[in-house]
Amino acid sequence: MYDDVIAFIRKTYGNRERIFLHDPYFGGNEERYLSECIKTTFVSSVGPFVDRFEEEFAAYAGARKAVVCVNGTNALHMAMMLAGVRSGDEVITQALTFIATCNAVSYIGARPVFVDVDGDTLGLSPAAMRKFLEAHAELRPDGCFNKRTGARIKACVPMHTFGHPVHLDELAALCADYRIELVEDAAEAVGSFYRGKHVGTFGRVGVFSFNGNKTITTGGGGIMLFSDPELAKRAKHLTTQSKIPHRWEFVHDETGYNYRMPNINAALGCAQLEQIDYILSSKRKTAEEYRKFFSGKPGFEFIGEPAECRSNYWLNAVLLPGRKERNEFLAATNDSGVMTRPAWELMNRLDMYRDCEHGDLTVSESIADRLVNLPSGVRQA
């Protein structure tokens, strides 16, 4: 039934025996920089590539400061702590997300509250959030509170799904009106721009992931972006065990976290960042070819970038008519050696988050039941 789609994907990716969803691309100085780490023995959390990667990524994204972490989940956990989220608080986010978003909330002892997504962005809907807040929120001198639960609503964490930016201006304005901190989960959105500005730079903190399947990779790793240098300084302190700098003494002034990115991972990141323009160009070319192919294909709707945005197209996606067709397509492609996958199970359907408060999730449910991600890795030059 889907032979023509499988044939198109195979042709696009050189008819390899196995076509992965998003394998990493190493076409630059990766080997050279890794060898330098080994030769100098600086392979752990101290070394010049850590500082270099932080500085270069901040400059690329247009942020004042950046602080690396060992992975994106750690970075998101730290970002919410820095934004003031505490145990017992509530954090507004989306049910259509990777579980790391909610796990990071849970690490603090806070609770996620799920609102719907927009169909054009696949990310947190300002309209749905406003509807929820108008019905449930109460502004008090010490913050925004949920009238039903009595809990403080401290933060909002939109996720830029598959690299497509959410409606950031509207969300930022809404957060300002209700005195809620905006923390961007931009784990999938390296190289994505909203109205000419890189995502991850609109809120209190922006978080990115450099897992092996991301647009650029450090093997495992994450980063936080800041407009406030003092907040970045505190992030660096907390993520390095809260150790007071000294040539030989080990004195720590509060509970800290071992979230330090090793130098060897940062070296890989520096090499990857040097190739970001080529990587994004290749991915956009693939997205455009998918768009043209599926535009004349009944039963498929290709997900393009939202208006006034430039998406990185981390993972290309199509919508099928329903769950039955989605499952048939997933079986046919994976059986043929072409890796595809569905969206994540909605967070409110998982046992640990089933009791969390949520608004109407009609759009989220429709997308989760119908979406399939297609192979989206960088094609070799």
Protein backbone atom coordinates (compact mmCIF):
# COMPACT_ATOMS: atom_id res chain seq x y z
CA MET A 1 0.00 0.00 0.00
CA TYR A 2 2.87 2.37 0.81
CA ASP A 3 5.45 1.08 -1.67
CA ASP A 4 5.76 4.43 -3.46
CA VAL A 5 6.47 6.29 -0.19
CA ILE A 6 9.09 3.73 0.84
CA ALA A 7 10.68 3.91 -2.62
CA PHE A 8 10.82 7.72 -2.42
CA ILE A 9 12.50 7.67 1.00
CA ARG A 10 14.99 5.03 -0.19
CA LYS A 11 15.84 7.12 -3.25
CA THR A 12 16.23 10.23 -1.08
CA TYR A 13 18.69 8.50 1.24
CA GLY A 14 20.69 6.56 -1.33
CA ASN A 15 18.81 3.25 -1.11
CA ARG A 16 20.75 2.01 1.93
CA GLU A 17 19.81 -1.33 3.45
CA ARG A 18 18.72 0.35 6.69
CA ILE A 19 17.61 3.98 6.79
CA PHE A 20 17.62 5.39 10.29
CA LEU A 21 15.39 8.14 11.64
CA HIS A 22 18.23 10.57 12.38
CA ASP A 23 21.80 9.29 12.47
CA PRO A 24 24.54 11.79 13.42
CA TYR A 25 26.63 13.56 10.80
CA PHE A 26 30.39 13.83 11.35
CA GLY A 27 31.95 15.69 8.44
CA GLY A 28 34.33 18.15 10.05
CA ASN A 29 36.88 18.42 12.84
CA GLU A 30 35.31 15.87 15.19
CA GLU A 31 38.18 13.38 15.06
CA ARG A 32 40.81 16.10 15.31
CA TYR A 33 39.26 17.74 18.38
CA LEU A 34 38.65 14.41 20.12
CA SER A 35 42.26 13.43 19.50
CA GLU A 36 43.37 16.72 21.04
CA CYS A 37 41.41 15.89 24.19
CA ILE A 38 43.02 12.47 24.42
CA LYS A 39 46.53 13.78 23.80
CA THR A 40 46.19 16.50 26.44
CA THR A 41 44.35 14.12 28.83
CA PHE A 42 41.57 16.73 29.32
CA VAL A 43 38.68 14.36 28.72
CA SER A 44 36.56 15.05 31.80
CA SER A 45 34.73 18.15 33.06
CA VAL A 46 37.68 20.55 32.90
CA GLY A 47 39.16 21.68 29.60
CA PRO A 48 39.20 24.44 27.00
CA PHE A 49 36.49 23.00 24.79
CA VAL A 50 33.86 23.44 27.53
CA ASP A 51 34.36 27.21 27.68
CA ARG A 52 34.69 27.43 23.92
CA PHE A 53 31.47 25.55 23.24
CA GLU A 54 29.53 27.68 25.72
CA GLU A 55 30.82 30.90 24.17
CA GLU A 56 30.30 29.81 20.57
CA PHE A 57 26.82 28.42 21.09
CA ALA A 58 25.71 31.55 22.97
CA ALA A 59 27.03 33.68 20.12
CA TYR A 60 25.28 31.53 17.51
CA ALA A 61 21.93 31.73 19.29
CA GLY A 62 22.25 35.40 20.22
CA ALA A 63 22.26 34.83 24.00
CA ARG A 64 24.51 36.60 26.49
CA LYS A 65 25.64 33.43 28.29
CA ALA A 66 25.41 29.67 28.01
CA VAL A 67 26.07 26.87 30.51
CA VAL A 68 26.51 23.27 29.39
CA CYS A 69 25.18 20.19 31.18
CA VAL A 70 25.65 16.46 30.79
CA ASN A 71 22.25 16.11 29.08
CA GLY A 72 19.16 18.06 28.17
CA THR A 73 17.03 16.66 30.99
CA ASN A 74 19.54 17.86 33.60
CA ALA A 75 19.59 21.25 31.91
CA LEU A 76 15.80 21.48 32.02
CA HIS A 77 15.73 20.44 35.68
CA MET A 78 18.29 23.13 36.52
CA ALA A 79 16.50 25.73 34.39
CA MET A 80 13.27 25.31 36.32
CA MET A 81 15.10 25.49 39.65
CA LEU A 82 16.74 28.73 38.52
CA ALA A 83 13.34 30.07 37.48
CA GLY A 84 12.15 29.54 41.04
CA VAL A 85 10.05 26.39 40.68
CA ARG A 86 9.77 24.65 44.05
CA SER A 87 8.19 21.52 45.47
CA GLY A 88 4.40 21.77 45.40
CA ASP A 89 4.32 24.26 42.52
CA GLU A 90 2.53 23.70 39.22
CA VAL A 91 4.13 24.07 35.80
CA ILE A 92 2.03 24.57 32.69
CA THR A 93 3.25 22.52 29.74
CA GLN A 94 1.96 20.33 26.92
CA ALA A 95 0.92 16.68 26.97
CA LEU A 96 2.41 16.20 23.49
CA THR A 97 6.08 16.15 24.48
CA PHE A 98 8.98 13.86 25.28
CA ILE A 99 8.84 12.62 28.86
CA ALA A 100 11.97 14.55 29.88
CA THR A 101 9.86 17.72 30.08
CA CYS A 102 7.64 16.25 32.78
CA ASN A 103 10.37 14.28 34.52
CA ALA A 104 12.36 17.47 35.04
CA VAL A 105 9.29 19.04 36.67
CA SER A 106 8.88 15.99 38.89
CA TYR A 107 12.51 16.01 40.05
CA ILE A 108 11.72 19.24 41.90
CA GLY A 109 8.51 17.88 43.42
CA ALA A 110 6.35 20.11 41.24
CA ARG A 111 3.40 18.97 39.13
CA PRO A 112 2.79 19.45 35.41
CA VAL A 113 -0.50 20.92 34.20
CA PHE A 114 -1.31 20.04 30.60
CA VAL A 115 -2.90 22.38 28.08
CA ASP A 116 -3.49 21.78 24.38
CA VAL A 117 -1.18 22.46 21.44
CA ASP A 118 -1.73 24.40 18.22
CA GLY A 119 -2.10 22.46 14.99
CA ASP A 120 0.27 24.73 13.07
CA THR A 121 3.15 24.48 15.57
CA LEU A 122 2.47 21.18 17.38
CA GLY A 123 3.48 23.13 20.50
CA LEU A 124 1.84 24.81 23.48
CA SER A 125 -1.16 26.91 22.44
CA PRO A 126 -1.42 30.46 23.83
CA ALA A 127 -5.19 30.34 23.32
CA ALA A 128 -5.51 27.09 25.27
CA MET A 129 -3.27 28.43 28.02
CA ARG A 130 -5.24 31.65 28.28
CA LYS A 131 -8.49 29.69 28.51
CA PHE A 132 -7.07 27.58 31.31
CA LEU A 133 -5.72 30.56 33.24
CA GLU A 134 -8.94 32.57 32.91
CA ALA A 135 -10.85 29.64 34.37
CA HIS A 136 -8.43 28.53 37.08
CA ALA A 137 -5.79 31.18 37.88
CA GLU A 138 -5.87 33.82 40.59
CA LEU A 139 -3.26 36.56 40.92
CA ARG A 140 -2.15 37.26 44.48
CA PRO A 141 0.60 39.51 45.85
CA ASP A 142 2.96 36.52 46.00
CA GLY A 143 2.24 35.13 42.54
CA CYS A 144 -0.22 33.22 40.39
CA PHE A 145 -2.23 30.43 42.04
CA ASN A 146 -4.56 27.68 40.94
CA LYS A 147 -7.92 28.40 42.59
CA ARG A 148 -8.90 24.73 42.62
CA THR A 149 -5.70 23.16 43.95
CA GLY A 150 -4.29 26.12 45.87
CA ALA A 151 -0.87 25.50 44.31
CA ARG A 152 1.32 28.26 42.92
CA ILE A 153 1.57 28.25 39.11
CA LYS A 154 5.21 29.21 38.82
CA ALA A 155 6.35 28.42 35.29
CA CYS A 156 5.29 27.69 31.74
CA VAL A 157 7.39 25.26 29.67
CA PRO A 158 6.50 25.13 25.97
CA MET A 159 8.33 22.55 23.87
CA HIS A 160 9.30 23.36 20.26
CA THR A 161 8.05 20.07 18.85
CA PHE A 162 10.33 18.52 16.20
CA GLY A 163 12.02 21.94 15.89
CA HIS A 164 8.90 23.97 15.02
CA PRO A 165 8.72 27.16 17.14
CA VAL A 166 5.63 27.83 19.23
CA HIS A 167 3.89 31.22 19.20
CA LEU A 168 6.47 32.77 21.50
CA ASP A 169 5.36 36.41 21.53
CA GLU A 170 1.87 35.49 22.65
CA LEU A 171 3.10 33.03 25.26
CA ALA A 172 5.65 35.50 26.61
CA ALA A 173 2.97 38.20 26.93
CA LEU A 174 0.61 35.78 28.67
CA CYS A 175 3.32 34.73 31.12
CA ALA A 176 4.07 38.38 31.88
CA ASP A 177 0.37 39.12 32.51
CA TYR A 178 0.09 36.26 35.00
CA ARG A 179 3.59 36.61 36.53
CA ILE A 180 4.61 33.13 35.35
CA GLU A 181 8.22 32.35 34.37
CA LEU A 182 8.76 31.26 30.77
CA VAL A 183 11.27 28.40 30.37
CA GLU A 184 11.71 27.17 26.80
CA ASP A 185 12.21 23.47 26.18
CA ALA A 186 14.09 23.91 22.91
CA ALA A 187 15.69 20.46 23.13
CA GLU A 188 14.80 19.72 19.51
CA ALA A 189 15.19 23.20 18.08
CA VAL A 190 18.87 24.03 17.50
CA GLY A 191 18.83 26.30 14.45
CA SER A 192 15.13 27.23 14.66
CA PHE A 193 14.09 30.89 14.58
CA TYR A 194 10.91 32.73 15.55
CA ARG A 195 10.48 36.09 13.78
CA GLY A 196 14.21 36.23 13.11
CA LYS A 197 15.29 35.43 16.68
CA HIS A 198 16.68 32.07 17.74
CA VAL A 199 14.36 30.10 20.00
CA GLY A 200 15.53 29.52 23.55
CA THR A 201 16.21 33.24 24.01
CA PHE A 202 12.69 34.46 24.81
CA GLY A 203 12.23 33.24 28.38
CA ARG A 204 14.04 33.18 31.70
CA VAL A 205 16.09 30.20 30.49
CA GLY A 206 16.21 28.24 27.23
CA VAL A 207 17.29 24.60 27.12
CA PHE A 208 18.71 22.50 24.27
CA SER A 209 19.70 18.85 23.89
CA PHE A 210 22.71 17.45 22.03
CA ASN A 211 21.76 13.78 22.23
CA GLY A 212 23.10 11.53 19.47
CA ASN A 213 19.92 11.90 17.40
CA LYS A 214 19.71 15.70 17.54
CA THR A 215 20.53 18.24 14.80
CA ILE A 216 24.03 18.60 16.25
CA THR A 217 25.36 16.23 18.87
CA THR A 218 27.88 16.04 21.69
CA GLY A 219 27.12 12.35 22.16
CA GLY A 220 25.12 13.24 25.25
CA GLY A 221 24.73 16.77 26.47
CA GLY A 222 22.57 19.82 27.00
CA ILE A 223 22.90 23.56 27.38
CA MET A 224 21.09 26.47 29.02
CA LEU A 225 20.90 29.95 27.47
CA PHE A 226 20.62 33.14 29.51
CA SER A 227 20.07 36.84 29.00
CA ASP A 228 21.04 37.41 32.65
CA PRO A 229 24.80 36.85 33.24
CA GLU A 230 24.30 36.60 37.00
CA LEU A 231 21.75 33.81 36.61
CA ALA A 232 24.18 32.02 34.28
CA LYS A 233 26.91 32.38 36.90
CA ARG A 234 24.65 30.76 39.46
CA ALA A 235 23.81 27.97 37.01
CA LYS A 236 27.51 27.26 36.53
CA HIS A 237 28.02 27.13 40.28
CA LEU A 238 25.11 24.78 40.96
CA THR A 239 25.95 22.43 38.09
CA THR A 240 29.55 22.03 39.26
CA GLN A 241 28.74 20.77 42.78
CA SER A 242 28.55 24.31 44.22
CA LYS A 243 32.29 24.28 44.74
CA ILE A 244 33.94 27.54 45.78
CA PRO A 245 36.81 28.14 43.32
CA HIS A 246 40.23 27.46 44.88
CA ARG A 247 43.50 26.04 43.62
CA TRP A 248 43.39 23.04 45.97
CA GLU A 249 40.69 23.33 48.66
CA PHE A 250 37.36 21.49 48.34
CA VAL A 251 34.76 23.71 49.96
CA HIS A 252 31.11 23.72 48.87
CA ASP A 253 28.60 26.33 50.00
CA GLU A 254 25.25 24.62 49.20
CA THR A 255 23.78 21.46 47.72
CA GLY A 256 25.04 21.24 44.16
CA TYR A 257 24.68 18.93 41.18
CA ASN A 258 27.18 16.96 39.13
CA TYR A 259 25.73 18.12 35.82
CA ARG A 260 29.06 19.07 34.20
CA MET A 261 29.57 18.34 30.52
CA PRO A 262 32.94 16.61 29.92
CA ASN A 263 35.52 18.37 27.76
CA ILE A 264 35.50 15.50 25.26
CA ASN A 265 31.76 16.00 24.65
CA ALA A 266 32.21 19.75 24.29
CA ALA A 267 34.96 19.13 21.74
CA LEU A 268 32.49 17.17 19.63
CA GLY A 269 30.02 20.04 19.99
CA CYS A 270 32.54 22.61 18.76
CA ALA A 271 33.19 20.56 15.64
CA GLN A 272 29.47 20.08 15.05
CA LEU A 273 28.67 23.76 15.48
CA GLU A 274 31.22 24.63 12.79
CA GLN A 275 29.01 22.70 10.34
CA ILE A 276 25.62 23.97 11.49
CA ASP A 277 24.88 25.91 8.29
CA TYR A 278 25.50 22.89 6.07
CA ILE A 279 23.55 20.60 8.39
CA LEU A 280 20.51 22.89 8.43
CA SER A 281 20.69 23.46 4.68
CA SER A 282 20.71 19.71 4.03
CA LYS A 283 17.76 19.15 6.33
CA ARG A 284 15.72 21.95 4.75
CA LYS A 285 16.39 20.47 1.31
CA THR A 286 15.06 17.11 2.49
CA ALA A 287 12.00 18.78 4.05
CA GLU A 288 11.22 20.57 0.80
CA GLU A 289 11.47 17.32 -1.16
CA TYR A 290 9.12 15.64 1.31
CA ARG A 291 6.71 18.58 1.06
CA LYS A 292 6.56 18.37 -2.73
CA PHE A 293 6.15 14.60 -2.71
CA PHE A 294 3.34 14.53 -0.16
CA SER A 295 1.51 17.54 -1.60
CA GLY A 296 0.10 15.27 -4.30
CA LYS A 297 -0.31 12.22 -2.09
CA PRO A 298 -3.87 11.59 -0.79
CA GLY A 299 -4.07 10.53 2.84
CA PHE A 300 -0.93 12.40 3.92
CA GLU A 301 -0.48 15.90 5.33
CA PHE A 302 3.11 17.11 5.58
CA ILE A 303 3.95 19.29 8.61
CA GLY A 304 5.62 22.49 7.40
CA GLU A 305 7.14 25.32 9.39
CA PRO A 306 4.73 27.82 11.04
CA ALA A 307 4.29 31.33 9.64
CA GLU A 308 7.09 33.80 10.48
CA CYS A 309 9.30 30.93 11.60
CA ARG A 310 12.32 29.12 10.26
CA SER A 311 12.26 25.55 11.51
CA ASN A 312 15.29 23.29 11.66
CA TYR A 313 13.12 20.34 10.54
CA TRP A 314 14.80 18.13 13.13
CA LEU A 315 12.28 15.40 12.40
CA ASN A 316 10.00 15.64 9.40
CA ALA A 317 6.45 14.50 10.05
CA VAL A 318 3.24 13.64 8.26
CA LEU A 319 -0.32 13.24 9.51
CA LEU A 320 -2.39 10.26 8.36
CA PRO A 321 -6.20 10.02 8.52
CA GLY A 322 -6.33 8.04 11.78
CA ARG A 323 -4.60 5.67 14.19
CA LYS A 324 -5.37 2.62 12.02
CA GLU A 325 -3.66 4.15 8.97
CA ARG A 326 -0.80 5.42 11.15
CA ASN A 327 -0.13 1.94 12.50
CA GLU A 328 -0.30 0.37 9.05
CA PHE A 329 2.21 2.91 7.73
CA LEU A 330 4.55 2.37 10.70
CA ALA A 331 4.47 -1.39 10.17
CA ALA A 332 5.05 -1.18 6.40
CA THR A 333 7.99 1.24 6.61
CA ASN A 334 9.78 -0.39 9.53
CA ASP A 335 9.29 -3.86 8.05
CA SER A 336 11.02 -2.62 4.90
CA GLY A 337 14.07 -1.22 6.72
CA VAL A 338 12.91 2.42 6.70
CA MET A 339 12.76 3.66 10.27
CA THR A 340 9.70 5.71 11.16
CA ARG A 341 8.10 6.37 14.53
CA PRO A 342 4.91 7.83 16.02
CA ALA A 343 4.72 10.84 18.29
CA TRP A 344 5.17 10.14 21.99
CA GLU A 345 2.33 8.78 24.09
CA LEU A 346 0.56 11.78 25.57
CA MET A 347 1.88 12.53 29.06
CA ASN A 348 -1.59 12.50 30.65
CA ARG A 349 -2.03 8.91 29.40
CA LEU A 350 1.03 7.69 31.36
CA ASP A 351 0.46 6.21 34.81
CA MET A 352 2.68 8.69 36.67
CA TYR A 353 0.98 11.75 35.13
CA ARG A 354 -2.56 10.42 34.68
CA ASP A 355 -3.86 12.36 37.67
CA CYS A 356 -2.34 15.69 36.64
CA GLU A 357 -4.73 18.52 35.88
CA HIS A 358 -5.35 19.26 32.21
CA GLY A 359 -7.57 21.25 29.93
CA ASP A 360 -9.21 20.13 26.72
CA LEU A 361 -6.59 18.20 24.68
CA THR A 362 -8.48 17.62 21.44
CA VAL A 363 -5.68 18.80 19.13
CA SER A 364 -2.99 16.92 21.09
CA GLU A 365 -5.01 13.70 20.92
CA SER A 366 -5.60 14.04 17.18
CA ILE A 367 -1.91 14.63 16.47
CA ALA A 368 -0.74 11.80 18.74
CA ASP A 369 -3.09 9.37 17.01
CA ARG A 370 -2.11 10.35 13.45
CA LEU A 371 1.49 11.61 13.30
CA VAL A 372 4.49 9.73 11.96
CA ASN A 373 8.09 10.96 11.88
CA LEU A 374 10.12 10.24 8.74
CA PRO A 375 13.88 9.75 8.24
CA SER A 376 15.42 13.21 8.61
CA GLY A 377 19.17 12.83 8.99
CA VAL A 378 21.76 14.87 7.11
CA ARG A 379 22.45 13.57 3.63
CA GLN A 380 26.10 13.20 2.70
CA ALA A 381 27.54 15.88 0.39
